[in-house]
Amino acid sequence: MRPRRALRAFNSPEYLFELKWDGIRALASRDESGLRITDRSGGDLLPLMPELRDLPVPEGCVLDGEIVVCDSRGRPAYDLLAGRWLRPQGTLPLGPKVAKRGRGPVFVAFDLLYESGRPLLGRVLTERRARLAALDLRSATIAVPEHLDDDGEPFLEVVAEYGLEGIVAKRREGRYVPGARTQEWLKCHVTPRADVIVGGLVVDERRGARAVLCGFRDEDGAIAYAGEAFVPPYLGAWLDEATRDFASESSPFSTPVGMRAGIRFLRPRLVAIVEFAAIEADGELRDARFRTLRLDGRLDDARREDPVEVPSYPPHTNPDRPRLVVLASLPFGIDTP
């Protein structure tokens, strides 16, 4: 089950609010054959993350969550996560080699889908969360985050203050629908993000990749050009080298791309995370910036999203509560910004 994008943060008694984790979505389960940790496509993540081989998942349980690696301040950082491992299908490094590996990995469990072999998908979220908390999972490799009732606006303000990715609003009475992307779950980013298909680069001989040519998958399967994302200088040489095996003589885009010196088209195999200021009327990203390649990226997930607008009510949470929820949720705590 995956969230849609909210137009903005909101307050509502129908929702509870959690941190949005800057990591890899995963399911953790245990049966008579042992522990399994799989990504969104069912791929085995344990060979990539052997540190989680002793994850204390009770037999008969299936946990939904996210695997994170935190920076020195305690903030989850996808960049650190991506820089640690290679793609399962080949040898493409997902990030430049990092001298400091970060803290983790940790499995952050935020939902319980099966307990003692019995499905809980038809139970409401509040019951699933209560059952998850009752398991009392405590380990250096697993965390169960807190949530905030009702008030997403002040929560997002604190999340932004600490330099975190965002929040997720989940309808309290919602059931779990595998594979669905509905407004039962809504994501609110501090800075808007999107998954895009990497269809090419603009390359400079001196610094490597200067920009990524971005694409979104259309309903008919074609890849529409979505503008370019700036590549920070420290990632330019790595991204240039890491994508050379994907070079193509033709454009993968179904819509026109303005030609200029340095363009290198790529076969559409990679998905990137980009941040952006807005999406223009023509569908292109404005002021976009490349973050990293996505470890579990799927081309079909790289689509334009129409944001959902939800009515908002005045907040009534104790002003200190959002900060306490953030501090209690992060696996290693967090340093003061």
Protein backbone atom coordinates (compact mmCIF):
# COMPACT_ATOMS: atom_id res chain seq x y z
CA MET A 1 0.00 0.00 0.00
CA ARG A 2 1.42 3.35 -1.01
CA PRO A 3 0.56 7.01 -0.40
CA ARG A 4 -0.64 9.60 -2.85
CA ARG A 5 0.69 13.16 -2.72
CA ALA A 6 -1.21 15.72 -0.67
CA LEU A 7 -1.45 19.26 -1.98
CA ARG A 8 -0.33 20.55 1.43
CA ALA A 9 -0.15 19.50 5.06
CA PHE A 10 -3.47 19.47 6.90
CA ASN A 11 -5.13 18.85 10.27
CA SER A 12 -7.93 16.28 10.48
CA PRO A 13 -9.36 14.03 13.22
CA GLU A 14 -9.83 11.32 10.57
CA TYR A 15 -6.06 10.87 10.14
CA LEU A 16 -2.99 10.09 12.18
CA PHE A 17 0.43 11.35 11.11
CA GLU A 18 3.83 9.60 10.98
CA LEU A 19 7.29 10.52 9.79
CA LYS A 20 8.04 9.86 6.13
CA TRP A 21 11.17 7.73 6.04
CA ASP A 22 13.96 8.45 3.58
CA GLY A 23 14.74 4.79 2.95
CA ILE A 24 13.74 1.59 1.12
CA ARG A 25 10.23 0.20 1.55
CA ALA A 26 10.29 -3.43 2.68
CA LEU A 27 8.28 -6.29 4.14
CA ALA A 28 9.78 -8.37 6.96
CA SER A 29 8.28 -11.77 7.78
CA ARG A 30 9.15 -15.00 9.53
CA ASP A 31 7.77 -18.51 9.14
CA GLU A 32 9.11 -22.04 9.67
CA SER A 33 11.65 -21.45 6.89
CA GLY A 34 13.12 -18.40 8.62
CA LEU A 35 13.34 -14.63 8.12
CA ARG A 36 12.53 -12.91 4.84
CA ILE A 37 13.02 -9.24 3.98
CA THR A 38 11.75 -8.27 0.55
CA ASP A 39 11.46 -5.06 -1.46
CA ARG A 40 8.35 -3.79 -3.27
CA SER A 41 8.94 -6.21 -6.16
CA GLY A 42 9.49 -9.23 -3.93
CA GLY A 43 13.29 -9.12 -4.31
CA ASP A 44 15.38 -10.56 -1.48
CA LEU A 45 17.07 -7.74 0.47
CA LEU A 46 18.93 -9.85 3.04
CA PRO A 47 22.00 -10.42 0.82
CA LEU A 48 22.28 -6.64 0.48
CA MET A 49 21.72 -6.00 4.17
CA PRO A 50 23.19 -8.88 6.18
CA GLU A 51 23.16 -6.68 9.29
CA LEU A 52 19.41 -7.40 9.51
CA ARG A 53 19.72 -11.20 9.48
CA ASP A 54 18.76 -11.42 13.18
CA LEU A 55 15.78 -9.07 12.94
CA PRO A 56 13.45 -10.12 15.80
CA VAL A 57 10.26 -10.69 13.78
CA PRO A 58 7.90 -13.09 15.60
CA GLU A 59 6.97 -16.23 13.68
CA GLY A 60 3.77 -15.83 11.70
CA CYS A 61 4.08 -12.06 11.50
CA VAL A 62 4.44 -9.81 8.45
CA LEU A 63 5.66 -6.27 9.11
CA ASP A 64 5.42 -3.41 6.66
CA GLY A 65 8.09 -0.77 7.03
CA GLU A 66 11.15 0.90 5.66
CA ILE A 67 14.89 0.26 5.92
CA VAL A 68 16.88 3.38 6.78
CA VAL A 69 20.46 4.46 7.35
CA CYS A 70 20.93 7.63 9.41
CA ASP A 71 23.54 10.35 9.16
CA SER A 72 25.74 11.53 12.03
CA ARG A 73 22.88 13.70 13.34
CA GLY A 74 20.41 10.82 13.38
CA ARG A 75 18.45 11.78 10.26
CA PRO A 76 17.50 9.06 7.73
CA ALA A 77 19.43 9.69 4.50
CA TYR A 78 18.71 7.79 1.29
CA ASP A 79 22.02 9.03 -0.12
CA LEU A 80 23.93 7.07 2.54
CA LEU A 81 21.75 4.03 2.02
CA ALA A 82 22.21 4.06 -1.76
CA GLY A 83 25.97 4.50 -1.49
CA ARG A 84 26.43 1.28 0.51
CA TRP A 85 25.20 -1.38 -1.90
CA LEU A 86 25.15 -2.39 -5.54
CA ARG A 87 22.06 -3.08 -7.59
CA PRO A 88 20.97 -6.73 -7.25
CA GLN A 89 20.77 -7.10 -11.04
CA GLY A 90 24.28 -5.97 -11.80
CA THR A 91 27.25 -3.91 -10.75
CA LEU A 92 25.95 -0.35 -10.96
CA PRO A 93 26.77 1.51 -7.74
CA LEU A 94 23.78 3.55 -6.61
CA GLY A 95 25.88 6.31 -5.09
CA PRO A 96 29.49 7.40 -4.85
CA LYS A 97 31.50 5.47 -2.31
CA VAL A 98 30.91 7.03 1.09
CA ALA A 99 33.75 7.28 3.56
CA LYS A 100 31.32 7.27 6.49
CA ARG A 101 28.72 4.54 6.18
CA GLY A 102 26.19 6.15 8.48
CA ARG A 103 24.27 4.57 11.35
CA GLY A 104 22.20 1.50 10.60
CA PRO A 105 20.62 -0.12 8.74
CA VAL A 106 17.46 -0.21 10.84
CA PHE A 107 14.07 -1.66 9.91
CA VAL A 108 11.37 0.86 10.86
CA ALA A 109 8.12 -1.11 11.28
CA PHE A 110 4.99 1.01 10.88
CA ASP A 111 2.29 -1.58 10.12
CA LEU A 112 1.40 -5.16 11.03
CA LEU A 113 -0.20 -7.16 8.21
CA TYR A 114 -0.19 -10.68 9.67
CA GLU A 115 0.01 -11.85 13.28
CA SER A 116 0.40 -15.52 14.30
CA GLY A 117 -0.31 -16.41 10.67
CA ARG A 118 -3.66 -14.58 10.64
CA PRO A 119 -4.27 -11.69 8.21
CA LEU A 120 -4.98 -8.25 9.64
CA LEU A 121 -5.40 -6.44 6.31
CA GLY A 122 -9.15 -6.02 6.85
CA ARG A 123 -8.68 -4.50 10.32
CA VAL A 124 -8.58 -0.73 10.75
CA LEU A 125 -5.23 1.03 10.99
CA THR A 126 -5.60 1.95 14.66
CA GLU A 127 -6.05 -1.72 15.58
CA ARG A 128 -3.10 -2.83 13.44
CA ARG A 129 -0.93 -0.13 15.05
CA ALA A 130 -2.02 -1.19 18.56
CA ARG A 131 -1.21 -4.83 17.84
CA LEU A 132 2.19 -3.81 16.46
CA ALA A 133 2.98 -1.81 19.61
CA ALA A 134 1.90 -4.76 21.77
CA LEU A 135 4.57 -6.97 20.17
CA ASP A 136 7.09 -4.82 22.06
CA LEU A 137 9.79 -5.17 19.42
CA ARG A 138 13.02 -3.81 20.86
CA SER A 139 16.33 -4.26 19.13
CA ALA A 140 19.26 -2.34 17.71
CA THR A 141 17.99 -3.27 14.24
CA ILE A 142 14.25 -2.57 14.53
CA ALA A 143 12.21 0.47 15.55
CA VAL A 144 8.47 1.13 15.89
CA PRO A 145 7.78 4.85 15.41
CA GLU A 146 5.32 7.03 17.28
CA HIS A 147 2.50 8.88 15.54
CA LEU A 148 0.70 12.19 16.04
CA ASP A 149 -3.08 12.40 16.16
CA ASP A 150 -5.01 14.99 14.13
CA ASP A 151 -2.45 17.73 13.47
CA GLY A 152 -0.28 17.46 10.36
CA GLU A 153 0.52 21.15 9.91
CA PRO A 154 2.53 21.67 13.13
CA PHE A 155 4.07 18.22 12.66
CA LEU A 156 5.43 19.12 9.21
CA GLU A 157 6.85 22.37 10.61
CA VAL A 158 8.90 20.45 13.19
CA VAL A 159 9.95 17.85 10.59
CA ALA A 160 11.23 20.68 8.36
CA GLU A 161 13.10 22.21 11.30
CA TYR A 162 15.01 18.97 11.80
CA GLY A 163 15.81 18.56 8.10
CA LEU A 164 13.68 15.42 7.61
CA GLU A 165 11.87 14.32 4.44
CA GLY A 166 8.23 14.83 5.37
CA ILE A 167 5.18 13.16 6.92
CA VAL A 168 2.53 10.61 5.94
CA ALA A 169 -1.13 11.02 6.86
CA LYS A 170 -3.04 7.74 7.29
CA ARG A 171 -6.78 7.43 7.70
CA ARG A 172 -7.45 6.02 11.14
CA GLU A 173 -10.26 3.71 10.00
CA GLY A 174 -8.50 2.66 6.80
CA ARG A 175 -7.95 -0.96 5.81
CA TYR A 176 -4.74 -2.19 4.17
CA VAL A 177 -5.04 -2.70 0.41
CA PRO A 178 -1.85 -4.27 -1.02
CA GLY A 179 -0.54 -2.58 -4.13
CA ALA A 180 -3.03 0.30 -3.93
CA ARG A 181 -2.14 3.97 -4.08
CA THR A 182 -5.14 5.79 -2.60
CA GLN A 183 -5.82 8.81 -0.45
CA GLU A 184 -6.20 6.56 2.59
CA TRP A 185 -2.48 7.38 2.87
CA LEU A 186 -1.18 10.82 1.87
CA LYS A 187 2.44 12.01 1.77
CA CYS A 188 3.48 15.58 2.50
CA HIS A 189 7.08 16.48 1.62
CA VAL A 190 9.03 19.35 3.10
CA THR A 191 10.48 19.84 -0.41
CA PRO A 192 8.44 18.21 -3.21
CA ARG A 193 9.99 15.04 -4.63
CA ALA A 194 9.31 12.74 -7.52
CA ASP A 195 10.58 9.48 -8.94
CA VAL A 196 11.61 10.05 -12.56
CA ILE A 197 12.94 7.85 -15.34
CA VAL A 198 16.52 8.71 -16.27
CA GLY A 199 16.34 9.16 -20.04
CA GLY A 200 19.64 10.94 -20.58
CA LEU A 201 22.33 13.25 -19.25
CA VAL A 202 23.85 16.55 -20.19
CA VAL A 203 27.57 15.87 -19.84
CA ASP A 204 30.50 18.27 -19.48
CA GLU A 205 33.99 16.88 -20.09
CA ARG A 206 35.38 18.70 -17.06
CA ARG A 207 32.84 17.84 -14.36
CA GLY A 208 30.81 14.96 -15.78
CA ALA A 209 27.01 15.01 -15.66
CA ARG A 210 25.55 18.49 -15.28
CA ALA A 211 21.88 17.55 -15.61
CA VAL A 212 19.58 14.53 -15.80
CA LEU A 213 16.95 14.38 -18.54
CA CYS A 214 13.81 13.29 -16.67
CA GLY A 215 10.78 11.37 -17.84
CA PHE A 216 7.38 10.28 -16.54
CA ARG A 217 5.58 7.14 -17.64
CA ASP A 218 2.27 7.89 -19.39
CA GLU A 219 -0.83 5.70 -19.17
CA ASP A 220 -0.03 4.22 -22.60
CA GLY A 221 3.46 3.21 -21.44
CA ALA A 222 5.31 5.93 -23.33
CA ILE A 223 7.87 8.11 -21.54
CA ALA A 224 7.08 11.82 -21.69
CA TYR A 225 9.91 14.30 -21.26
CA ALA A 226 9.64 16.08 -17.89
CA GLY A 227 12.51 18.54 -18.04
CA GLU A 228 15.98 18.35 -16.57
CA ALA A 229 17.30 18.13 -13.03
CA PHE A 230 20.52 19.83 -11.96
CA VAL A 231 23.27 17.44 -10.80
CA PRO A 232 25.41 18.74 -7.93
CA PRO A 233 29.10 18.95 -8.91
CA TYR A 234 30.20 16.31 -6.39
CA LEU A 235 27.92 13.74 -8.09
CA GLY A 236 28.72 14.66 -11.70
CA ALA A 237 31.71 12.40 -12.39
CA TRP A 238 30.15 9.41 -10.62
CA LEU A 239 26.82 9.68 -12.45
CA ASP A 240 28.59 10.10 -15.80
CA GLU A 241 30.64 6.95 -15.28
CA ALA A 242 27.89 4.88 -13.65
CA THR A 243 25.48 5.29 -16.57
CA ARG A 244 27.79 4.84 -19.58
CA ASP A 245 26.71 1.25 -20.17
CA PHE A 246 23.15 2.52 -20.72
CA ALA A 247 24.06 4.95 -23.54
CA SER A 248 21.71 5.00 -26.52
CA GLU A 249 21.82 6.69 -29.93
CA SER A 250 18.12 7.54 -29.81
CA SER A 251 15.88 9.40 -27.39
CA PRO A 252 13.66 7.28 -25.12
CA PHE A 253 11.14 10.13 -24.86
CA SER A 254 7.87 10.25 -26.76
CA THR A 255 7.87 14.07 -26.64
CA PRO A 256 10.47 16.48 -28.04
CA VAL A 257 13.73 17.32 -26.25
CA GLY A 258 15.66 20.42 -27.17
CA MET A 259 19.02 19.29 -28.56
CA ARG A 260 22.30 20.85 -27.47
CA ALA A 261 25.94 19.96 -26.96
CA GLY A 262 26.66 17.31 -24.35
CA ILE A 263 23.37 15.38 -24.48
CA ARG A 264 23.76 11.63 -24.02
CA PHE A 265 20.56 9.62 -24.27
CA LEU A 266 20.21 6.51 -22.11
CA ARG A 267 18.17 3.35 -22.37
CA PRO A 268 15.32 3.73 -19.84
CA ARG A 269 16.41 1.40 -17.07
CA LEU A 270 17.11 3.68 -14.10
CA VAL A 271 14.88 5.65 -11.74
CA ALA A 272 16.11 8.72 -9.88
CA ILE A 273 14.81 10.76 -6.96
CA VAL A 274 14.61 14.46 -7.74
CA GLU A 275 13.45 17.46 -5.74
CA PHE A 276 11.63 20.28 -7.50
CA ALA A 277 9.90 23.61 -6.93
CA ALA A 278 6.78 23.00 -9.03
CA ILE A 279 5.36 21.16 -12.03
CA GLU A 280 4.60 23.52 -14.91
CA ALA A 281 1.42 23.48 -17.00
CA ASP A 282 3.29 21.58 -19.75
CA GLY A 283 4.19 18.83 -17.26
CA GLU A 284 7.88 19.71 -16.88
CA LEU A 285 9.60 20.05 -13.51
CA ARG A 286 10.74 23.52 -12.48
CA ASP A 287 14.03 24.05 -10.60
CA ALA A 288 14.59 20.30 -10.23
CA ARG A 289 17.65 18.85 -8.49
CA PHE A 290 18.97 15.27 -8.70
CA ARG A 291 19.27 13.49 -5.35
CA THR A 292 20.26 9.90 -6.09
CA LEU A 293 19.34 6.76 -8.01
CA ARG A 294 16.60 4.67 -6.42
CA LEU A 295 17.61 1.20 -5.26
CA ASP A 296 14.10 -0.25 -5.67
CA GLY A 297 13.10 1.93 -8.60
CA ARG A 298 10.47 0.71 -11.06
CA LEU A 299 9.71 2.55 -14.29
CA ASP A 300 5.96 2.17 -13.77
CA ASP A 301 6.21 4.09 -10.49
CA ALA A 302 7.65 7.17 -12.20
CA ARG A 303 4.37 8.91 -13.01
CA ARG A 304 2.93 12.39 -12.60
CA GLU A 305 0.70 12.66 -9.55
CA ASP A 306 -2.34 14.87 -9.18
CA PRO A 307 -2.13 16.07 -5.56
CA VAL A 308 -5.06 15.48 -3.21
CA GLU A 309 -6.52 18.43 -1.32
CA VAL A 310 -7.94 17.66 2.12
CA PRO A 311 -9.92 20.15 4.26
CA SER A 312 -7.91 21.35 7.25
CA TYR A 313 -9.10 22.24 10.72
CA PRO A 314 -7.48 24.38 13.45
CA PRO A 315 -4.75 22.46 15.30
CA HIS A 316 -5.31 21.51 18.92
CA THR A 317 -2.20 19.47 19.76
CA ASN A 318 0.00 20.51 22.65
CA PRO A 319 2.76 22.60 20.99
CA ASP A 320 5.46 20.28 22.37
CA ARG A 321 3.83 17.06 21.17
CA PRO A 322 5.03 17.12 17.51
CA ARG A 323 8.63 17.52 18.63
CA LEU A 324 8.31 14.67 21.13
CA VAL A 325 6.89 12.39 18.42
CA VAL A 326 9.85 13.15 16.14
CA LEU A 327 12.37 12.49 18.90
CA ALA A 328 10.65 9.26 19.97
CA SER A 329 10.36 7.96 16.39
CA LEU A 330 13.94 8.33 15.13
CA PRO A 331 16.02 5.18 15.78
CA PHE A 332 19.06 7.06 17.14
CA GLY A 333 17.44 10.28 18.34
CA ILE A 334 18.54 13.48 16.67
CA ASP A 335 20.97 16.29 17.36
CA THR A 336 19.58 19.78 17.85
CA PRO A 337 19.52 21.63 14.51
